[in-house]
């Protein structure tokens, strides 16, 4: 009985981890697309110096 509960718990954990990793992959892809759009849409020159699309 204990072994069955451990196997079910392990299956639940692996399913949860797989779902979370899939969501994180989609989030990473979305961030990458936003970054690429910002990188290519930035203006190349402002006042003779190269500008950045972010404020770091």
Protein backbone atom coordinates (compact mmCIF):
# COMPACT_ATOMS: atom_id res chain seq x y z
CA UNK A 1 0.00 0.00 0.00
CA UNK A 2 2.80 2.42 0.89
CA UNK A 3 4.65 1.58 -2.33
CA UNK A 4 1.54 2.31 -4.36
CA UNK A 5 1.12 5.69 -2.65
CA UNK A 6 4.79 6.51 -3.29
CA UNK A 7 4.45 5.64 -6.97
CA UNK A 8 1.29 7.76 -7.28
CA UNK A 9 2.99 10.65 -5.49
CA UNK A 10 6.01 10.37 -7.78
CA UNK A 11 3.76 10.34 -10.84
CA UNK A 12 1.93 13.42 -9.56
CA UNK A 13 5.20 15.25 -8.91
CA UNK A 14 6.59 14.39 -12.34
CA UNK A 15 3.35 15.48 -14.04
CA UNK A 16 3.39 18.76 -12.11
CA UNK A 17 7.04 19.38 -12.91
CA UNK A 18 6.47 18.62 -16.58
CA UNK A 19 3.55 21.03 -16.76
CA UNK A 20 5.53 23.75 -14.96
CA UNK A 21 8.52 23.28 -17.27
CA UNK A 22 6.29 23.49 -20.33
CA UNK A 23 4.79 26.76 -19.06
CA UNK A 24 8.28 28.11 -18.33
CA UNK A 25 9.43 27.21 -21.87
CA UNK A 26 6.49 29.14 -23.36
CA UNK A 27 7.28 32.09 -21.08
CA UNK A 28 10.95 31.99 -22.16
CA UNK A 29 9.94 31.94 -25.84
CA UNK A 30 7.62 34.93 -25.31
CA UNK A 31 10.38 36.91 -23.58
CA UNK A 32 12.81 36.05 -26.37
CA UNK A 33 10.36 37.23 -29.04
CA UNK A 34 9.73 40.50 -27.18
CA UNK A 35 13.47 41.02 -26.79
CA UNK A 36 14.13 40.35 -30.48
CA UNK A 37 11.35 42.72 -31.55
CA UNK A 38 12.78 45.43 -29.30
CA UNK A 39 16.29 44.75 -30.56
CA UNK A 40 15.36 45.10 -34.22
CA UNK A 41 12.87 47.95 -33.76
CA UNK A 42 15.27 50.24 -31.91
CA UNK A 43 16.52 53.32 -33.65
CA UNK A 44 20.09 52.94 -34.83
CA UNK A 45 21.33 56.46 -34.12
CA UNK A 46 20.25 59.25 -31.80
CA UNK A 47 22.47 62.30 -31.76
CA UNK A 48 25.34 60.47 -33.37
CA UNK A 49 25.46 57.77 -30.70
CA UNK A 50 23.96 54.35 -30.80
CA UNK A 51 20.86 54.16 -28.61
CA UNK A 52 19.55 51.33 -26.51
CA UNK A 53 15.92 50.22 -26.42
CA UNK A 54 16.20 49.43 -22.72
CA UNK A 55 17.08 51.69 -19.79
CA UNK A 56 19.92 49.87 -18.02
